[in-house]
Each structure stands twice: as structure tokens, then as C-alpha cells.
Amino acid sequence: MTIKTYTAEEAITAVTNEGCIQIAPGVYLSTQENIIDDQESWGYVDGCKMHDFSSAPFWITDDSGADPTAIHGADEYLEEILTEDSQPDNADVANDMVRDGALDLSSYGDRLFFDQMTGRR
């Protein structure tokens, strides 16, 4: 998948035609139909396996495992891209892992990993 710079309207047109486009390294814009089709092949350990993607026509996802972002059109896409960093920082990822039960802070190894990710060590 090639990364191309799009205007908001171009991104919506391109994703409508292609189903999924890469909008930044590790960041994707998908149509509802495309992401629901892909969801069927995801493992049950994937946090989005049970996510309801029927609420928006487009979705921004990334390789970090952050929650998907619903996009309802070009204006919302542009606002999302301009106002929010698409890539969460390490602390956000570590906190999400604790929230989702992937890290057990009573475990020395998990605590060490968490502290390193959040800059505490």
C-alpha cells in the first residue's frame, strides 16, 4: 500500500473506490464495508474483533491497537487529521494495555515494561 497525501475530499473518494488506504505510516482509512469484511478474519485476542463498525461509513485505524475513530465524511476526516495525533504515545499504549487486561501490574515483568513505556524508569 502506497502512502499518498490527500485532501479530505480526495481521501474520502479514494477510500470509497479502494476500500482501504494508508494515510500515514501505520495509519489507515477504511470504508465500513471493508473493515467489517476484514473483521471476520481477526483473532479473538484483537481488541476490535467485537467492535461495532456499523455506526460510521469510514474508520481510521492504526497498527498500535488504539481504538478506531469513526469518520462520517470529509469535514470530520479533516478535523480528525488536523486536531489529533493519529499515533498514540507509548504511555497511551501502556495504559490501554492495562485497561484491556494485557498487562498485570502485580507482575514484576509487566510492571517493569509499564514503567519503561510510561517513562518512569
Foldseek 3Di string as FASTA:
>chain_A
DDADADQLQRLVVVQVVVQKDAPDVFKMKGFLVSVVVVLVPDDPVQPCNPPDSPPEGMWIDGPLSDDIDHDHGSVRVVCCVVPDDSDDALLVSLVVCVVVVVADCVDPVSVVSNCVSNVVD
